[in-house]
Amino acid sequence: MIKVGVTMPGRIEDAGDFLADVRALEAAGAEMIGLDGDGPEQWTILGAIAATTERVRLRTTGAEPGALRTLSRGRAVVGAPDGETWIEIAMPADREAWAAALRDHESAGATGVIVPWDARLLDLLRNPEPDDRSDLLMSTG
């Protein structure tokens, strides 16, 4: 199964909403989370992500500071994890395009795909199959 990484915006409006989205991505199965940009603000945000998540790896673009390594309990990676191939892709237009992109990159031998943050990702990660909407059926009785 191909893994999914997400690039979150490097600037945030509401820290509570941002961290709730990060926790929801982790719960939905995202494997790795990174940020747009580089600089002191990004390190602060990555530190907050590290402190509020348990499993997801933190993707950095530059040398990782020791404090991030400590806060993340060793989950920080520079670029891509050793021995893994991650491909950056645009956010697919719909569920069928999402399934096709995952299938195509997995068959090409990629370990994972990295997509920019979009609120639709949560639904795509939770319900990857185009016809599986049992979650909606359960919620309506």
N, C-alpha and C. Protein backbone atom coordinates (compact mmCIF):
# COMPACT_ATOMS: atom_id res chain seq x y z
N MET A 1 0.85 -1.18 0.00
CA MET A 1 0.00 0.00 0.00
C MET A 1 0.89 1.24 0.00
N ILE A 2 0.61 2.15 -0.89
CA ILE A 2 1.40 3.37 -0.99
C ILE A 2 1.07 4.30 0.18
N LYS A 3 2.07 5.00 0.66
CA LYS A 3 1.90 5.90 1.79
C LYS A 3 1.58 7.31 1.29
N VAL A 4 1.03 8.13 2.19
CA VAL A 4 0.66 9.49 1.83
C VAL A 4 1.32 10.46 2.79
N GLY A 5 1.96 11.47 2.21
CA GLY A 5 2.52 12.58 2.97
C GLY A 5 1.78 13.85 2.58
N VAL A 6 1.76 14.81 3.46
CA VAL A 6 1.03 16.05 3.23
C VAL A 6 1.94 17.24 3.51
N THR A 7 1.90 18.23 2.62
CA THR A 7 2.61 19.47 2.85
C THR A 7 1.59 20.50 3.31
N MET A 8 1.72 20.89 4.55
CA MET A 8 0.82 21.88 5.14
C MET A 8 1.32 23.29 4.83
N PRO A 9 0.43 24.30 4.88
CA PRO A 9 0.87 25.68 4.66
C PRO A 9 1.86 26.10 5.75
N GLY A 10 2.83 26.90 5.39
CA GLY A 10 3.84 27.36 6.34
C GLY A 10 3.38 28.49 7.24
N ARG A 11 2.25 29.08 6.92
CA ARG A 11 1.67 30.15 7.75
C ARG A 11 0.29 29.69 8.20
N ILE A 12 -0.02 29.95 9.45
CA ILE A 12 -1.31 29.51 9.97
C ILE A 12 -2.11 30.69 10.51
N GLU A 13 -3.42 30.58 10.35
CA GLU A 13 -4.33 31.61 10.86
C GLU A 13 -4.75 31.30 12.30
N ASP A 14 -5.10 30.04 12.54
CA ASP A 14 -5.59 29.62 13.85
C ASP A 14 -4.85 28.35 14.25
N ALA A 15 -4.05 28.44 15.29
CA ALA A 15 -3.22 27.31 15.70
C ALA A 15 -4.07 26.10 16.10
N GLY A 16 -5.18 26.34 16.76
CA GLY A 16 -6.04 25.23 17.18
C GLY A 16 -6.60 24.46 16.00
N ASP A 17 -7.12 25.18 15.00
CA ASP A 17 -7.65 24.53 13.80
C ASP A 17 -6.54 23.80 13.05
N PHE A 18 -5.39 24.45 12.93
CA PHE A 18 -4.26 23.85 12.21
C PHE A 18 -3.85 22.53 12.86
N LEU A 19 -3.66 22.53 14.17
CA LEU A 19 -3.23 21.32 14.86
C LEU A 19 -4.32 20.25 14.87
N ALA A 20 -5.58 20.67 14.87
CA ALA A 20 -6.69 19.71 14.76
C ALA A 20 -6.64 19.02 13.40
N ASP A 21 -6.35 19.78 12.34
CA ASP A 21 -6.22 19.19 11.01
C ASP A 21 -5.05 18.20 10.97
N VAL A 22 -3.94 18.55 11.58
CA VAL A 22 -2.77 17.67 11.61
C VAL A 22 -3.11 16.37 12.34
N ARG A 23 -3.78 16.48 13.48
CA ARG A 23 -4.17 15.27 14.24
C ARG A 23 -5.15 14.43 13.43
N ALA A 24 -6.07 15.08 12.73
CA ALA A 24 -7.03 14.34 11.90
C ALA A 24 -6.32 13.63 10.76
N LEU A 25 -5.31 14.26 10.16
CA LEU A 25 -4.53 13.60 9.10
C LEU A 25 -3.82 12.38 9.65
N GLU A 26 -3.23 12.52 10.82
CA GLU A 26 -2.56 11.37 11.43
C GLU A 26 -3.55 10.24 11.69
N ALA A 27 -4.71 10.57 12.25
CA ALA A 27 -5.73 9.55 12.54
C ALA A 27 -6.25 8.90 11.26
N ALA A 28 -6.29 9.66 10.16
CA ALA A 28 -6.79 9.13 8.90
C ALA A 28 -5.75 8.29 8.16
N GLY A 29 -4.50 8.28 8.64
CA GLY A 29 -3.50 7.41 8.05
C GLY A 29 -2.36 8.09 7.33
N ALA A 30 -2.29 9.42 7.34
CA ALA A 30 -1.15 10.08 6.71
C ALA A 30 0.13 9.60 7.39
N GLU A 31 1.14 9.38 6.60
CA GLU A 31 2.41 8.84 7.10
C GLU A 31 3.42 9.93 7.44
N MET A 32 3.36 11.06 6.71
CA MET A 32 4.36 12.09 6.87
C MET A 32 3.73 13.46 6.65
N ILE A 33 4.17 14.46 7.43
CA ILE A 33 3.67 15.82 7.29
C ILE A 33 4.87 16.77 7.25
N GLY A 34 4.82 17.69 6.28
CA GLY A 34 5.84 18.72 6.16
C GLY A 34 5.18 20.07 6.04
N LEU A 35 6.00 21.11 5.86
CA LEU A 35 5.49 22.48 5.76
C LEU A 35 6.06 23.17 4.55
N ASP A 36 5.27 24.10 3.99
CA ASP A 36 5.79 25.00 2.95
C ASP A 36 6.80 25.93 3.60
N GLY A 37 7.80 26.34 2.84
CA GLY A 37 8.74 27.34 3.30
C GLY A 37 9.82 26.77 4.20
N ASP A 38 10.64 27.69 4.70
CA ASP A 38 11.74 27.32 5.57
C ASP A 38 12.07 28.53 6.44
N GLY A 39 12.44 28.29 7.65
CA GLY A 39 12.81 29.40 8.53
C GLY A 39 12.36 29.14 9.95
N PRO A 40 12.61 30.09 10.83
CA PRO A 40 12.30 29.91 12.26
C PRO A 40 10.83 29.62 12.53
N GLU A 41 9.92 30.26 11.78
CA GLU A 41 8.50 30.03 12.00
C GLU A 41 8.14 28.57 11.70
N GLN A 42 8.71 28.01 10.65
CA GLN A 42 8.43 26.61 10.30
C GLN A 42 8.93 25.66 11.38
N TRP A 43 10.09 25.96 11.95
CA TRP A 43 10.61 25.09 13.02
C TRP A 43 9.69 25.11 14.23
N THR A 44 9.14 26.28 14.53
CA THR A 44 8.20 26.39 15.65
C THR A 44 6.95 25.57 15.37
N ILE A 45 6.42 25.69 14.15
CA ILE A 45 5.21 24.94 13.80
C ILE A 45 5.50 23.43 13.80
N LEU A 46 6.64 23.02 13.25
CA LEU A 46 7.00 21.59 13.28
C LEU A 46 7.12 21.09 14.71
N GLY A 47 7.65 21.93 15.60
CA GLY A 47 7.73 21.55 17.01
C GLY A 47 6.36 21.33 17.62
N ALA A 48 5.41 22.20 17.26
CA ALA A 48 4.03 22.05 17.75
C ALA A 48 3.41 20.77 17.19
N ILE A 49 3.66 20.48 15.91
CA ILE A 49 3.14 19.25 15.32
C ILE A 49 3.75 18.04 16.02
N ALA A 50 5.05 18.09 16.27
CA ALA A 50 5.72 16.98 16.95
C ALA A 50 5.13 16.73 18.34
N ALA A 51 4.83 17.81 19.04
CA ALA A 51 4.32 17.67 20.41
C ALA A 51 2.88 17.16 20.45
N THR A 52 2.13 17.35 19.36
CA THR A 52 0.71 16.97 19.39
C THR A 52 0.40 15.71 18.59
N THR A 53 1.41 15.11 17.99
CA THR A 53 1.20 13.86 17.25
C THR A 53 2.01 12.74 17.88
N GLU A 54 1.70 11.52 17.48
CA GLU A 54 2.37 10.36 18.07
C GLU A 54 3.10 9.50 17.06
N ARG A 55 2.60 9.41 15.84
CA ARG A 55 3.12 8.45 14.88
C ARG A 55 3.68 9.09 13.61
N VAL A 56 3.06 10.12 13.13
CA VAL A 56 3.39 10.70 11.84
C VAL A 56 4.84 11.22 11.82
N ARG A 57 5.52 10.99 10.69
CA ARG A 57 6.88 11.50 10.54
C ARG A 57 6.82 12.97 10.13
N LEU A 58 7.81 13.74 10.53
CA LEU A 58 7.88 15.16 10.23
C LEU A 58 8.94 15.38 9.17
N ARG A 59 8.51 15.91 8.03
CA ARG A 59 9.40 16.12 6.90
C ARG A 59 9.98 17.52 6.95
N THR A 60 11.29 17.62 6.94
CA THR A 60 11.96 18.91 6.91
C THR A 60 12.74 19.04 5.60
N THR A 61 13.04 20.28 5.24
CA THR A 61 13.80 20.49 4.00
C THR A 61 15.25 20.83 4.30
N GLY A 62 15.55 21.21 5.53
CA GLY A 62 16.92 21.55 5.90
C GLY A 62 17.38 20.68 7.05
N ALA A 63 18.57 20.94 7.51
CA ALA A 63 19.11 20.18 8.62
C ALA A 63 18.18 20.30 9.82
N GLU A 64 17.92 19.19 10.44
CA GLU A 64 16.96 19.17 11.55
C GLU A 64 17.64 19.61 12.85
N PRO A 65 17.05 20.56 13.55
CA PRO A 65 17.62 20.95 14.84
C PRO A 65 17.41 19.85 15.88
N GLY A 66 18.34 19.76 16.81
CA GLY A 66 18.25 18.73 17.84
C GLY A 66 16.97 18.77 18.65
N ALA A 67 16.44 19.97 18.88
CA ALA A 67 15.21 20.09 19.65
C ALA A 67 14.05 19.40 18.94
N LEU A 68 14.00 19.50 17.61
CA LEU A 68 12.93 18.84 16.87
C LEU A 68 13.07 17.32 16.98
N ARG A 69 14.28 16.83 16.93
CA ARG A 69 14.53 15.40 17.08
C ARG A 69 14.00 14.92 18.44
N THR A 70 14.24 15.73 19.47
CA THR A 70 13.79 15.37 20.81
C THR A 70 12.27 15.43 20.91
N LEU A 71 11.67 16.54 20.44
CA LEU A 71 10.21 16.67 20.51
C LEU A 71 9.49 15.61 19.70
N SER A 72 10.05 15.22 18.56
CA SER A 72 9.39 14.26 17.69
C SER A 72 9.71 12.81 18.07
N ARG A 73 10.56 12.63 19.05
CA ARG A 73 10.97 11.28 19.46
C ARG A 73 11.53 10.50 18.27
N GLY A 74 12.37 11.20 17.49
CA GLY A 74 13.06 10.56 16.36
C GLY A 74 12.25 10.44 15.09
N ARG A 75 11.12 11.13 14.98
CA ARG A 75 10.27 10.99 13.79
C ARG A 75 10.58 11.99 12.69
N ALA A 76 11.53 12.90 12.91
CA ALA A 76 11.86 13.91 11.90
C ALA A 76 12.74 13.29 10.82
N VAL A 77 12.45 13.62 9.56
CA VAL A 77 13.26 13.16 8.43
C VAL A 77 13.56 14.36 7.54
N VAL A 78 14.75 14.34 6.95
CA VAL A 78 15.13 15.40 6.01
C VAL A 78 14.85 14.88 4.61
N GLY A 79 13.98 15.58 3.88
CA GLY A 79 13.62 15.14 2.53
C GLY A 79 12.72 13.93 2.56
N ALA A 80 13.30 12.76 2.32
CA ALA A 80 12.56 11.50 2.35
C ALA A 80 13.33 10.51 3.22
N PRO A 81 12.62 9.60 3.86
CA PRO A 81 13.31 8.59 4.66
C PRO A 81 14.29 7.78 3.81
N ASP A 82 15.39 7.37 4.41
CA ASP A 82 16.40 6.58 3.70
C ASP A 82 15.78 5.36 3.04
N GLY A 83 16.16 5.15 1.79
CA GLY A 83 15.71 3.97 1.06
C GLY A 83 14.29 4.05 0.54
N GLU A 84 13.64 5.18 0.68
CA GLU A 84 12.25 5.33 0.21
C GLU A 84 12.18 6.36 -0.91
N THR A 85 11.23 6.16 -1.81
CA THR A 85 11.00 7.08 -2.92
C THR A 85 9.63 7.73 -2.77
N TRP A 86 9.63 9.03 -2.56
CA TRP A 86 8.39 9.79 -2.41
C TRP A 86 8.27 10.74 -3.59
N ILE A 87 7.08 10.81 -4.17
CA ILE A 87 6.81 11.65 -5.34
C ILE A 87 5.84 12.76 -4.93
N GLU A 88 6.19 14.01 -5.25
CA GLU A 88 5.27 15.12 -4.99
C GLU A 88 4.30 15.22 -6.15
N ILE A 89 2.99 15.25 -5.83
CA ILE A 89 1.96 15.35 -6.85
C ILE A 89 1.00 16.49 -6.48
N ALA A 90 0.26 16.95 -7.47
CA ALA A 90 -0.79 17.93 -7.23
C ALA A 90 -1.99 17.22 -6.61
N MET A 91 -2.82 17.96 -5.94
CA MET A 91 -4.03 17.38 -5.36
C MET A 91 -4.95 16.94 -6.50
N PRO A 92 -5.29 15.64 -6.55
CA PRO A 92 -6.19 15.16 -7.61
C PRO A 92 -7.57 15.81 -7.51
N ALA A 93 -8.22 15.90 -8.65
CA ALA A 93 -9.51 16.60 -8.74
C ALA A 93 -10.66 15.89 -8.03
N ASP A 94 -10.64 14.56 -8.01
CA ASP A 94 -11.75 13.83 -7.41
C ASP A 94 -11.27 12.46 -6.91
N ARG A 95 -12.18 11.69 -6.35
CA ARG A 95 -11.86 10.39 -5.76
C ARG A 95 -11.28 9.41 -6.79
N GLU A 96 -11.82 9.41 -7.99
CA GLU A 96 -11.32 8.50 -9.03
C GLU A 96 -9.89 8.87 -9.43
N ALA A 97 -9.63 10.17 -9.57
CA ALA A 97 -8.27 10.62 -9.90
C ALA A 97 -7.30 10.31 -8.76
N TRP A 98 -7.78 10.42 -7.52
CA TRP A 98 -6.96 10.08 -6.35
C TRP A 98 -6.58 8.61 -6.38
N ALA A 99 -7.56 7.75 -6.58
CA ALA A 99 -7.30 6.30 -6.63
C ALA A 99 -6.35 5.97 -7.77
N ALA A 100 -6.53 6.60 -8.92
CA ALA A 100 -5.66 6.35 -10.08
C ALA A 100 -4.23 6.80 -9.80
N ALA A 101 -4.07 7.97 -9.17
CA ALA A 101 -2.73 8.48 -8.86
C ALA A 101 -2.01 7.54 -7.90
N LEU A 102 -2.70 7.10 -6.87
CA LEU A 102 -2.08 6.17 -5.91
C LEU A 102 -1.69 4.86 -6.60
N ARG A 103 -2.58 4.34 -7.39
CA ARG A 103 -2.33 3.07 -8.10
C ARG A 103 -1.15 3.21 -9.06
N ASP A 104 -1.12 4.30 -9.83
CA ASP A 104 -0.05 4.50 -10.81
C ASP A 104 1.31 4.64 -10.14
N HIS A 105 1.39 5.43 -9.08
CA HIS A 105 2.68 5.63 -8.41
C HIS A 105 3.12 4.38 -7.66
N GLU A 106 2.18 3.65 -7.12
CA GLU A 106 2.54 2.40 -6.45
C GLU A 106 3.08 1.39 -7.45
N SER A 107 2.44 1.27 -8.61
CA SER A 107 2.91 0.33 -9.63
C SER A 107 4.26 0.75 -10.20
N ALA A 108 4.58 2.05 -10.14
CA ALA A 108 5.87 2.55 -10.60
C ALA A 108 6.97 2.35 -9.55
N GLY A 109 6.60 1.87 -8.37
CA GLY A 109 7.59 1.57 -7.34
C GLY A 109 7.80 2.63 -6.29
N ALA A 110 6.96 3.66 -6.29
CA ALA A 110 7.11 4.72 -5.28
C ALA A 110 6.68 4.20 -3.91
N THR A 111 7.34 4.69 -2.87
CA THR A 111 6.96 4.37 -1.50
C THR A 111 5.74 5.17 -1.10
N GLY A 112 5.70 6.44 -1.55
CA GLY A 112 4.60 7.30 -1.17
C GLY A 112 4.46 8.50 -2.06
N VAL A 113 3.35 9.20 -1.89
CA VAL A 113 3.10 10.45 -2.59
C VAL A 113 2.96 11.56 -1.56
N ILE A 114 3.37 12.75 -1.96
CA ILE A 114 3.25 13.93 -1.10
C ILE A 114 2.33 14.92 -1.81
N VAL A 115 1.25 15.29 -1.14
CA VAL A 115 0.27 16.20 -1.73
C VAL A 115 0.14 17.45 -0.87
N PRO A 116 -0.19 18.58 -1.49
CA PRO A 116 -0.43 19.78 -0.70
C PRO A 116 -1.72 19.64 0.10
N TRP A 117 -1.78 20.29 1.26
CA TRP A 117 -2.96 20.23 2.11
C TRP A 117 -4.20 20.72 1.38
N ASP A 118 -5.25 19.97 1.55
CA ASP A 118 -6.58 20.30 1.06
C ASP A 118 -7.54 19.59 2.00
N ALA A 119 -8.59 20.25 2.42
CA ALA A 119 -9.53 19.65 3.37
C ALA A 119 -10.14 18.35 2.85
N ARG A 120 -10.19 18.20 1.51
CA ARG A 120 -10.74 16.95 0.93
C ARG A 120 -9.87 15.74 1.25
N LEU A 121 -8.61 15.96 1.62
CA LEU A 121 -7.71 14.85 1.91
C LEU A 121 -8.22 13.96 3.03
N LEU A 122 -8.81 14.56 4.03
CA LEU A 122 -9.31 13.76 5.15
C LEU A 122 -10.32 12.72 4.67
N ASP A 123 -11.25 13.14 3.83
CA ASP A 123 -12.24 12.19 3.30
C ASP A 123 -11.58 11.15 2.40
N LEU A 124 -10.64 11.58 1.57
CA LEU A 124 -9.97 10.64 0.67
C LEU A 124 -9.16 9.60 1.44
N LEU A 125 -8.51 10.02 2.52
CA LEU A 125 -7.74 9.07 3.32
C LEU A 125 -8.64 8.11 4.09
N ARG A 126 -9.74 8.62 4.59
CA ARG A 126 -10.66 7.78 5.36
C ARG A 126 -11.47 6.84 4.47
N ASN A 127 -11.77 7.26 3.24
CA ASN A 127 -12.62 6.51 2.33
C ASN A 127 -11.96 6.45 0.95
N PRO A 128 -10.91 5.67 0.79
CA PRO A 128 -10.16 5.69 -0.47
C PRO A 128 -10.87 5.07 -1.67
N GLU A 129 -11.80 4.19 -1.43
CA GLU A 129 -12.48 3.52 -2.54
C GLU A 129 -13.63 4.37 -3.06
N PRO A 130 -13.75 4.52 -4.38
CA PRO A 130 -14.78 5.39 -4.96
C PRO A 130 -16.21 5.04 -4.55
N ASP A 131 -16.52 3.78 -4.38
CA ASP A 131 -17.90 3.39 -4.10
C ASP A 131 -18.20 3.15 -2.62
N ASP A 132 -17.20 3.24 -1.77
CA ASP A 132 -17.39 2.94 -0.35
C ASP A 132 -17.86 4.17 0.40
N ARG A 133 -19.15 4.31 0.58
CA ARG A 133 -19.70 5.41 1.37
C ARG A 133 -20.52 4.86 2.52
N SER A 134 -20.07 3.73 3.07
CA SER A 134 -20.77 3.13 4.21
C SER A 134 -20.78 4.07 5.41
N ASP A 135 -19.79 4.98 5.51
CA ASP A 135 -19.79 5.93 6.61
C ASP A 135 -21.03 6.84 6.55
N LEU A 136 -21.45 7.21 5.34
CA LEU A 136 -22.64 8.04 5.21
C LEU A 136 -23.91 7.23 5.49
N LEU A 137 -23.92 5.99 5.04
CA LEU A 137 -25.08 5.14 5.31
C LEU A 137 -25.27 4.92 6.80
N MET A 138 -24.18 4.71 7.51
CA MET A 138 -24.27 4.50 8.97
C MET A 138 -24.75 5.76 9.67
N SER A 139 -24.34 6.92 9.18
CA SER A 139 -24.71 8.16 9.86
C SER A 139 -26.16 8.53 9.62
N THR A 140 -26.78 8.01 8.58
CA THR A 140 -28.18 8.35 8.30
C THR A 140 -29.14 7.31 8.80
N GLY A 141 -28.62 6.20 9.30
CA GLY A 141 -29.48 5.18 9.91
C GLY A 141 -29.90 4.22 8.91
